[in-house]
C-alpha atoms as a PDB file:
ATOM      1  CA  MET A   1     -14.117   6.259  -7.089  1.00  0.00           C
ATOM      2  CA  SER A   2     -11.748   8.071  -9.098  1.00  0.00           C
ATOM      3  CA  ASP A   3      -7.896   8.002  -8.413  1.00  0.00           C
ATOM      4  CA  GLU A   4      -7.835  11.434  -7.959  1.00  0.00           C
ATOM      5  CA  VAL A   5     -10.533  12.199  -5.647  1.00  0.00           C
ATOM      6  CA  SER A   6     -10.066  16.088  -4.475  1.00  0.00           C
ATOM      7  CA  VAL A   7     -12.526  14.826  -1.391  1.00  0.00           C
ATOM      8  CA  LYS A   8     -10.681  13.556   1.596  1.00  0.00           C
ATOM      9  CA  THR A   9     -11.440  10.036   2.482  1.00  0.00           C
ATOM     10  CA  SER A  10     -10.260   8.371   5.704  1.00  0.00           C
ATOM     11  CA  SER A  11      -6.896   7.857   4.607  1.00  0.00           C
ATOM     12  CA  PHE A  12      -6.137  11.199   3.736  1.00  0.00           C
ATOM     13  CA  ASP A  13      -7.361  12.075   6.807  1.00  0.00           C
ATOM     14  CA  ILE A  14      -4.618   9.555   8.785  1.00  0.00           C
ATOM     15  CA  CYS A  15      -2.227  10.947   6.641  1.00  0.00           C
ATOM     16  CA  CYS A  16      -2.858  13.589   7.783  1.00  0.00           C
ATOM     17  CA  GLU A  17      -2.790  13.589  11.341  1.00  0.00           C
ATOM     18  CA  CYS A  18       0.484  11.489  11.460  1.00  0.00           C
ATOM     19  CA  LYS A  19       3.513  12.747  12.254  1.00  0.00           C
ATOM     20  CA  THR A  20       6.006   9.913  11.681  1.00  0.00           C
ATOM     21  CA  SER A  21       7.945   8.725   8.596  1.00  0.00           C
ATOM     22  CA  CYS A  22       6.387   5.436   7.172  1.00  0.00           C
ATOM     23  CA  CYS A  23       7.946   6.655   3.710  1.00  0.00           C
ATOM     24  CA  GLN A  24      11.216   5.337   4.764  1.00  0.00           C
ATOM     25  CA  ASP A  25      11.882   1.643   4.376  1.00  0.00           C
ATOM     26  CA  ALA A  26       8.959   1.131   2.818  1.00  0.00           C
ATOM     27  CA  LYS A  27       8.686   0.353  -1.288  1.00  0.00           C
ATOM     28  CA  PRO A  28       5.099   0.280  -2.247  1.00  0.00           C
ATOM     29  CA  PRO A  29       4.084  -2.245  -4.878  1.00  0.00           C
ATOM     30  CA  LEU A  30       3.107  -0.415  -8.353  1.00  0.00           C
ATOM     31  CA  THR A  31       1.124  -2.014 -10.761  1.00  0.00           C
ATOM     32  CA  LYS A  32       1.219  -0.419 -14.465  1.00  0.00           C
ATOM     33  CA  ASN A  33      -1.754   1.384 -14.366  1.00  0.00           C
ATOM     34  CA  ARG A  34      -0.665   3.489 -11.321  1.00  0.00           C
ATOM     35  CA  LYS A  35       2.391   4.192 -12.802  1.00  0.00           C
ATOM     36  CA  LYS A  36       0.445   5.920 -15.316  1.00  0.00           C
ATOM     37  CA  VAL A  37      -1.843   7.689 -13.425  1.00  0.00           C
ATOM     38  CA  ILE A  38       1.723   8.902 -11.350  1.00  0.00           C
ATOM     39  CA  VAL A  39       3.219  10.104 -14.217  1.00  0.00           C
ATOM     40  CA  ALA A  40       0.283  11.876 -15.514  1.00  0.00           C
ATOM     41  CA  TYR A  41      -0.236  13.459 -12.175  1.00  0.00           C
ATOM     42  CA  LEU A  42       3.259  14.846 -11.736  1.00  0.00           C
ATOM     43  CA  ARG A  43       3.028  16.309 -15.268  1.00  0.00           C
ATOM     44  CA  ARG A  44      -0.037  18.655 -14.226  1.00  0.00           C
ATOM     45  CA  GLN A  45       1.329  19.487 -11.250  1.00  0.00           C
ATOM     46  CA  GLY A  46       4.783  20.596 -12.734  1.00  0.00           C
ATOM     47  CA  VAL A  47       6.903  18.545 -10.770  1.00  0.00           C
ATOM     48  CA  SER A  48       9.938  16.437 -13.159  1.00  0.00           C
ATOM     49  CA  ILE A  49      11.451  13.550 -11.239  1.00  0.00           C
ATOM     50  CA  LYS A  50      14.192  11.980 -12.789  1.00  0.00           C
ATOM     51  CA  GLN A  51      13.405   8.282 -11.772  1.00  0.00           C
ATOM     52  CA  PRO A  52      10.550   7.892 -10.338  1.00  0.00           C
ATOM     53  CA  PHE A  53      10.207   4.373 -10.337  1.00  0.00           C
ATOM     54  CA  THR A  54      12.352   0.916  -9.916  1.00  0.00           C
ATOM     55  CA  ASP A  55      11.360  -1.944 -11.240  1.00  0.00           C
ATOM     56  CA  ALA A  56      12.943  -5.278  -9.427  1.00  0.00           C
ATOM     57  CA  THR A  57      11.185  -8.246  -8.355  1.00  0.00           C
ATOM     58  CA  TYR A  58       8.414  -5.980  -8.830  1.00  0.00           C
ATOM     59  CA  THR A  59       8.174  -2.162  -9.187  1.00  0.00           C
ATOM     60  CA  TYR A  60       8.070   0.645  -6.658  1.00  0.00           C
ATOM     61  CA  PRO A  61       8.737   4.311  -5.963  1.00  0.00           C
ATOM     62  CA  THR A  62      12.706   4.551  -5.884  1.00  0.00           C
ATOM     63  CA  VAL A  63      14.117   5.616  -3.141  1.00  0.00           C
ATOM     64  CA  ASP A  64      16.710   7.597  -2.228  1.00  0.00           C
ATOM     65  CA  GLY A  65      20.251   7.093  -0.037  1.00  0.00           C
ATOM     66  CA  SER A  66      18.243   7.555   3.396  1.00  0.00           C
ATOM     67  CA  GLY A  67      15.525   5.185   2.157  1.00  0.00           C
ATOM     68  CA  PHE A  68      13.059   7.934   1.828  1.00  0.00           C
ATOM     69  CA  CYS A  69      10.372   7.361  -1.288  1.00  0.00           C
ATOM     70  CA  VAL A  70      11.405   9.562  -3.852  1.00  0.00           C
ATOM     71  CA  PHE A  71       7.740  11.152  -3.379  1.00  0.00           C
ATOM     72  CA  TYR A  72       8.400  12.135  -0.161  1.00  0.00           C
ATOM     73  CA  SER A  73       9.055  16.163   0.861  1.00  0.00           C
ATOM     74  CA  LYS A  74      11.511  16.226   3.536  1.00  0.00           C
ATOM     75  CA  SER A  75      10.560  19.693   3.535  1.00  0.00           C
ATOM     76  CA  THR A  76       6.828  19.602   4.291  1.00  0.00           C
ATOM     77  CA  LYS A  77       6.901  16.145   5.237  1.00  0.00           C
ATOM     78  CA  GLU A  78       4.204  15.363   3.107  1.00  0.00           C
ATOM     79  CA  CYS A  79       3.807  13.177   0.136  1.00  0.00           C
ATOM     80  CA  LEU A  80       4.075  14.949  -3.491  1.00  0.00           C
ATOM     81  CA  ILE A  81       1.140  12.059  -5.088  1.00  0.00           C
ATOM     82  CA  HIS A  82      -1.195  12.066  -1.698  1.00  0.00           C
ATOM     83  CA  ALA A  83      -3.796  12.195  -4.406  1.00  0.00           C
ATOM     84  CA  VAL A  84      -2.528   9.281  -6.507  1.00  0.00           C
ATOM     85  CA  LYS A  85      -0.571   7.331  -4.021  1.00  0.00           C
ATOM     86  CA  PRO A  86      -0.431   4.149  -4.136  1.00  0.00           C
ATOM     87  CA  GLU A  87      -2.945   1.425  -3.049  1.00  0.00           C
ATOM     88  CA  THR A  88      -0.806   0.016  -0.085  1.00  0.00           C
ATOM     89  CA  CYS A  89       0.145   4.047   1.123  1.00  0.00           C
ATOM     90  CA  ARG A  90      -3.858   4.402   0.724  1.00  0.00           C
ATOM     91  CA  ALA A  91      -4.577   1.132   3.056  1.00  0.00           C
ATOM     92  CA  GLY A  92      -1.895   2.157   5.674  1.00  0.00           C
ATOM     93  CA  PRO A  93      -1.342   1.402   8.028  1.00  0.00           C
ATOM     94  CA  ILE A  94      -3.338  -1.320   7.058  1.00  0.00           C
ATOM     95  CA  THR A  95      -1.586  -3.918   5.367  1.00  0.00           C
ATOM     96  CA  PHE A  96      -1.873  -7.905   3.770  1.00  0.00           C
ATOM     97  CA  ASP A  97      -0.749 -11.496   3.291  1.00  0.00           C
ATOM     98  CA  ILE A  98      -1.941 -14.657   1.006  1.00  0.00           C
ATOM     99  CA  ASN A  99      -2.587 -17.726   3.750  1.00  0.00           C
ATOM    100  CA  CYS A 100      -1.487 -20.215   0.970  1.00  0.00           C
ATOM    101  CA  ALA A 101      -2.728 -22.567   3.562  1.00  0.00           C
ATOM    102  CA  THR A 102      -6.442 -21.459   3.440  1.00  0.00           C
ATOM    103  CA  GLY A 103      -6.051 -19.066   0.304  1.00  0.00           C
ATOM    104  CA  LYS A 104      -7.306 -16.506   2.120  1.00  0.00           C
ATOM    105  CA  LEU A 105      -6.564 -12.849   1.935  1.00  0.00           C
ATOM    106  CA  GLU A 106      -5.500 -11.793   5.953  1.00  0.00           C
ATOM    107  CA  PHE A 107      -5.160  -8.311   7.187  1.00  0.00           C
ATOM    108  CA  PHE A 108      -2.813  -7.127   9.379  1.00  0.00           C
ATOM    109  CA  LEU A 109      -2.500  -3.561  11.210  1.00  0.00           C
ATOM    110  CA  LYS A 110       0.910  -2.130  12.054  1.00  0.00           C
ATOM    111  CA  LYS A 111       2.046  -1.726  15.402  1.00  0.00           C
ATOM    112  CA  SER A 112       2.718   1.330  17.369  1.00  0.00           C
ATOM    113  CA  GLU A 113       6.727   0.019  16.829  1.00  0.00           C
ATOM    114  CA  ILE A 114       5.669   0.895  13.312  1.00  0.00           C
ATOM    115  CA  CYS A 115       2.947   3.509  13.207  1.00  0.00           C
ATOM    116  CA  THR A 116       2.071   5.850  16.107  1.00  0.00           C
ATOM    117  CA  PHE A 117      -0.970   6.506  14.747  1.00  0.00           C
ATOM    118  CA  ALA A 118      -2.305   2.879  14.325  1.00  0.00           C
ATOM    119  CA  PRO A 119      -3.407   2.047  17.846  1.00  0.00           C
ATOM    120  CA  LYS A 120      -5.437   6.114  17.825  1.00  0.00           C
ATOM    121  CA  LEU A 121      -7.355   4.600  14.655  1.00  0.00           C
ATOM    122  CA  PHE A 122      -7.846   0.914  16.257  1.00  0.00           C
ATOM    123  CA  GLN A 123      -9.177   3.297  18.923  1.00  0.00           C
ATOM    124  CA  ASP A 124     -12.024   5.189  17.576  1.00  0.00           C
ATOM    125  CA  ARG A 125     -14.181   2.103  15.988  1.00  0.00           C
ATOM    126  CA  GLY A 126     -16.494   4.474  13.984  1.00  0.00           C
ATOM    127  CA  LYS A 127     -12.586   5.356  12.176  1.00  0.00           C
ATOM    128  CA  PHE A 128     -11.310   2.251  11.726  1.00  0.00           C
ATOM    129  CA  LYS A 129     -14.303   0.245  10.446  1.00  0.00           C
ATOM    130  CA  LYS A 130     -14.492   3.304   7.464  1.00  0.00           C
ATOM    131  CA  HIS A 131     -10.538   3.213   7.042  1.00  0.00           C
ATOM    132  CA  PHE A 132     -11.198  -0.829   7.170  1.00  0.00           C
ATOM    133  CA  GLU A 133     -12.954  -0.858   4.519  1.00  0.00           C
ATOM    134  CA  VAL A 134     -11.027   1.645   2.527  1.00  0.00           C
ATOM    135  CA  ALA A 135      -7.898  -0.789   3.121  1.00  0.00           C
ATOM    136  CA  LYS A 136      -9.540  -3.558   1.791  1.00  0.00           C
ATOM    137  CA  ARG A 137     -10.587  -2.139  -1.735  1.00  0.00           C
ATOM    138  CA  GLU A 138      -7.489  -0.732  -2.452  1.00  0.00           C
ATOM    139  CA  ILE A 139      -5.778  -3.547  -1.459  1.00  0.00           C
ATOM    140  CA  ILE A 140      -7.831  -5.854  -3.224  1.00  0.00           C
ATOM    141  CA  ARG A 141      -7.808  -3.591  -6.105  1.00  0.00           C
ATOM    142  CA  LEU A 142      -4.007  -3.572  -5.939  1.00  0.00           C
ATOM    143  CA  ILE A 143      -3.832  -7.568  -6.047  1.00  0.00           C
ATOM    144  CA  ARG A 144      -5.943  -8.126  -8.825  1.00  0.00           C
ATOM    145  CA  SER A 145      -3.933  -5.608 -10.870  1.00  0.00           C
ATOM    146  CA  LEU A 146      -0.541  -7.240  -9.927  1.00  0.00           C
ATOM    147  CA  ASP A 147       1.075  -9.891 -11.747  1.00  0.00           C
ATOM    148  CA  ALA A 148       1.702 -13.297 -10.310  1.00  0.00           C
ATOM    149  CA  SER A 149       5.539 -12.840  -9.912  1.00  0.00           C
ATOM    150  CA  ALA A 150       4.823  -9.498  -8.686  1.00  0.00           C
ATOM    151  CA  LEU A 151       2.632 -10.455  -6.105  1.00  0.00           C
ATOM    152  CA  LEU A 152       5.103 -13.287  -5.096  1.00  0.00           C
ATOM    153  CA  ALA A 153       7.411 -11.099  -4.801  1.00  0.00           C
ATOM    154  CA  VAL A 154       5.242  -8.533  -2.404  1.00  0.00           C
ATOM    155  CA  LEU A 155       4.179 -11.429  -0.117  1.00  0.00           C
ATOM    156  CA  LYS A 156       7.971 -12.406   0.748  1.00  0.00           C
ATOM    157  CA  VAL A 157       8.420  -8.778   2.400  1.00  0.00           C
ATOM    158  CA  GLU A 158       8.247  -9.550   5.983  1.00  0.00           C
ATOM    159  CA  GLU A 159       5.911  -6.983   7.924  1.00  0.00           C
ATOM    160  CA  PRO A 160       6.456  -8.699  11.530  1.00  0.00           C
ATOM    161  CA  GLN A 161       5.011  -5.654  13.742  1.00  0.00           C
ATOM    162  CA  THR A 162       1.798  -6.185  12.969  1.00  0.00           C
ATOM    163  CA  PHE A 163      -1.440  -7.771  14.126  1.00  0.00           C
ATOM    164  CA  LYS A 164      -4.365  -9.960  12.565  1.00  0.00           C
ATOM    165  CA  ILE A 165      -7.313  -7.828  11.848  1.00  0.00           C
ATOM    166  CA  GLY A 166      -9.512  -9.859   9.545  1.00  0.00           C
ATOM    167  CA  GLU A 167      -9.528 -11.656   6.381  1.00  0.00           C
ATOM    168  CA  ALA A 168     -11.466 -12.257   3.590  1.00  0.00           C
ATOM    169  CA  ALA A 169     -12.105 -14.600   0.652  1.00  0.00           C
ATOM    170  CA  LEU A 170      -9.451 -14.284  -1.781  1.00  0.00           C
ATOM    171  CA  PRO A 171     -10.906 -13.302  -5.122  1.00  0.00           C
ATOM    172  CA  LYS A 172     -11.312 -16.135  -7.583  1.00  0.00           C
ATOM    173  CA  ASN A 173      -9.101 -14.168 -10.422  1.00  0.00           C
ATOM    174  CA  VAL A 174      -6.426 -13.796  -8.221  1.00  0.00           C
ATOM    175  CA  ALA A 175      -6.605 -17.533  -6.794  1.00  0.00           C
ATOM    176  CA  SER A 176      -6.088 -18.813 -10.113  1.00  0.00           C
ATOM    177  CA  HIS A 177      -3.635 -16.417 -11.236  1.00  0.00           C
ATOM    178  CA  LEU A 178      -1.945 -17.131  -8.295  1.00  0.00           C
ATOM    179  CA  ARG A 179      -2.008 -20.382  -8.043  1.00  0.00           C
ATOM    180  CA  VAL A 180      -2.016 -20.529  -4.425  1.00  0.00           C
ATOM    181  CA  GLU A 181       0.065 -24.286  -4.658  1.00  0.00           C
ATOM    182  CA  THR A 182       2.112 -21.803  -6.593  1.00  0.00           C
ATOM    183  CA  CYS A 183       2.516 -19.175  -3.488  1.00  0.00           C
ATOM    184  CA  ALA A 184       2.955 -22.111  -0.443  1.00  0.00           C
ATOM    185  CA  ASN A 185       6.009 -22.881  -1.884  1.00  0.00           C
ATOM    186  CA  GLU A 186       7.240 -19.345  -3.011  1.00  0.00           C
ATOM    187  CA  LYS A 187       6.852 -18.007   0.372  1.00  0.00           C
END
C-alpha cells in the first residue's frame, strides 16, 4: 500500500471519528524514509514548518510548548500530514512492545483513559479486526526500519494505560538486528 493512499482505511475512519487529542504528549518514532515522505508531502501541500523533526534518542515530530505535535492543527483539530502520518499514528489506538523474555512482538490497546474511541473500536469486532490488521502491518514496517538504538529508545517509553490484545513472532531480521538479549538488558 502506498504511503499516500487517498482512499479511506480503517485507521482514517478511526481518526475522523475521534474527538480526543492523541496528538498531545506523544512522540511517534520516525524512520528516515517516513521523514522523507513527510517532507515531500508538506512541500506538495505548500506547508512550511521551520523545524518539523526532533532528533533525540530517536526521531519524532517536534512538539510545541503545550506538548502538541507540530503537525496537529489546533484550529481544525486535524493532522496536517494525515495521508502520510507515522506508522504508530496509523496503528493507534493500538501500540506495541517487544517481550524480551519470549522474543515476541506484543500488541496492546489503549484504555479509555487515554483514547475514548478505543473501547468503541474494540466493541465493533469487524472494525476492530480490520484495524488490527492495519496496525500490525504498520508496526512491523516501523520496527523493521528503525535502527536498534532508536527501537530500544522507543521500547523504553512506558504506556501503562493499555491491555494486551495479541502477539506475533518477532520478524527474524528485527530479532537479529535488535539482539533480544540486548533488549532485555536495556529495558
